[in-house]
Amino acid sequence: MPVAYVITEECVACGTCAEECPAEAIEEGEPYVINEEKCTECGSCFEVCPVEAIVEK
């Protein structure tokens, strides 16, 4: 099942989203990736991204 959020190419790989994710669903990459199996769609990552690289699908 697709998640509600996606990390775009605007990601600067700062790690803020991964640190805030309570489900540990964000994995390192270029850009970071949201693991669909772990994501609970809580929106924590969306709220904390300093460069607004996480958007709603």
C-alpha atoms as a PDB file:
ATOM      1  CA  MET A   1       0.000   0.000   0.000  1.00  0.00           C
ATOM      2  CA  PRO A   2       1.487   3.372  -0.969  1.00  0.00           C
ATOM      3  CA  VAL A   3       2.216   5.836   1.821  1.00  0.00           C
ATOM      4  CA  ALA A   4       0.766   9.333   2.064  1.00  0.00           C
ATOM      5  CA  TYR A   5       4.156  11.059   1.827  1.00  0.00           C
ATOM      6  CA  VAL A   6       7.111  10.939  -0.525  1.00  0.00           C
ATOM      7  CA  ILE A   7      10.630  12.375  -0.224  1.00  0.00           C
ATOM      8  CA  THR A   8      11.539  14.419  -3.300  1.00  0.00           C
ATOM      9  CA  GLU A   9      14.841  15.163  -4.996  1.00  0.00           C
ATOM     10  CA  GLU A  10      14.978  18.377  -2.936  1.00  0.00           C
ATOM     11  CA  CYS A  11      16.194  16.209  -0.006  1.00  0.00           C
ATOM     12  CA  VAL A  12      19.569  17.328   1.357  1.00  0.00           C
ATOM     13  CA  ALA A  13      20.043  14.127   3.413  1.00  0.00           C
ATOM     14  CA  CYS A  14      20.235  16.002   6.725  1.00  0.00           C
ATOM     15  CA  GLY A  15      18.625  13.140   8.664  1.00  0.00           C
ATOM     16  CA  THR A  16      16.088  15.269  10.529  1.00  0.00           C
ATOM     17  CA  CYS A  17      13.147  13.227   9.257  1.00  0.00           C
ATOM     18  CA  ALA A  18      14.773   9.908  10.166  1.00  0.00           C
ATOM     19  CA  GLU A  19      15.482  11.134  13.696  1.00  0.00           C
ATOM     20  CA  GLU A  20      11.855  12.192  14.191  1.00  0.00           C
ATOM     21  CA  CYS A  21      10.169   9.135  12.676  1.00  0.00           C
ATOM     22  CA  PRO A  22       8.591   7.102  15.518  1.00  0.00           C
ATOM     23  CA  ALA A  23       8.242   4.047  13.251  1.00  0.00           C
ATOM     24  CA  GLU A  24      11.866   4.162  12.031  1.00  0.00           C
ATOM     25  CA  ALA A  25      10.474   4.045   8.489  1.00  0.00           C
ATOM     26  CA  ILE A  26      12.933   6.435   6.854  1.00  0.00           C
ATOM     27  CA  GLU A  27      16.002   4.902   5.283  1.00  0.00           C
ATOM     28  CA  GLU A  28      19.195   6.616   4.125  1.00  0.00           C
ATOM     29  CA  GLY A  29      19.638   7.161   0.433  1.00  0.00           C
ATOM     30  CA  GLU A  30      19.879   9.907  -2.143  1.00  0.00           C
ATOM     31  CA  PRO A  31      17.245  11.082  -1.459  1.00  0.00           C
ATOM     32  CA  TYR A  32      16.119   9.388   1.751  1.00  0.00           C
ATOM     33  CA  VAL A  33      13.329   6.849   1.246  1.00  0.00           C
ATOM     34  CA  ILE A  34      10.174   6.098   3.239  1.00  0.00           C
ATOM     35  CA  ASN A  35       9.777   2.359   3.851  1.00  0.00           C
ATOM     36  CA  GLU A  36       6.133   1.696   2.972  1.00  0.00           C
ATOM     37  CA  GLU A  37       5.947  -1.384   5.206  1.00  0.00           C
ATOM     38  CA  LYS A  38       6.990   0.534   8.335  1.00  0.00           C
ATOM     39  CA  CYS A  39       5.350   3.935   7.710  1.00  0.00           C
ATOM     40  CA  THR A  40       2.289   4.739   9.818  1.00  0.00           C
ATOM     41  CA  GLU A  41       1.530   7.963   7.898  1.00  0.00           C
ATOM     42  CA  CYS A  42       1.794  10.054  11.077  1.00  0.00           C
ATOM     43  CA  GLY A  43       3.244  13.077   9.262  1.00  0.00           C
ATOM     44  CA  SER A  44       6.150  13.648  11.657  1.00  0.00           C
ATOM     45  CA  CYS A  45       8.654  13.676   8.809  1.00  0.00           C
ATOM     46  CA  PHE A  46       6.555  16.084   6.767  1.00  0.00           C
ATOM     47  CA  GLU A  47       6.355  18.522   9.675  1.00  0.00           C
ATOM     48  CA  VAL A  48      10.086  18.614  10.487  1.00  0.00           C
ATOM     49  CA  CYS A  49      11.771  18.683   7.075  1.00  0.00           C
ATOM     50  CA  PRO A  50      13.793  21.932   6.977  1.00  0.00           C
ATOM     51  CA  VAL A  51      13.817  22.130   3.178  1.00  0.00           C
ATOM     52  CA  GLU A  52      10.214  20.973   2.592  1.00  0.00           C
ATOM     53  CA  ALA A  53      11.416  17.967   0.599  1.00  0.00           C
ATOM     54  CA  ILE A  54       8.664  15.714   1.952  1.00  0.00           C
ATOM     55  CA  VAL A  55       5.336  16.177   0.219  1.00  0.00           C
ATOM     56  CA  GLU A  56       1.916  14.593   0.326  1.00  0.00           C
ATOM     57  CA  LYS A  57       1.145  12.233  -2.538  1.00  0.00           C
END
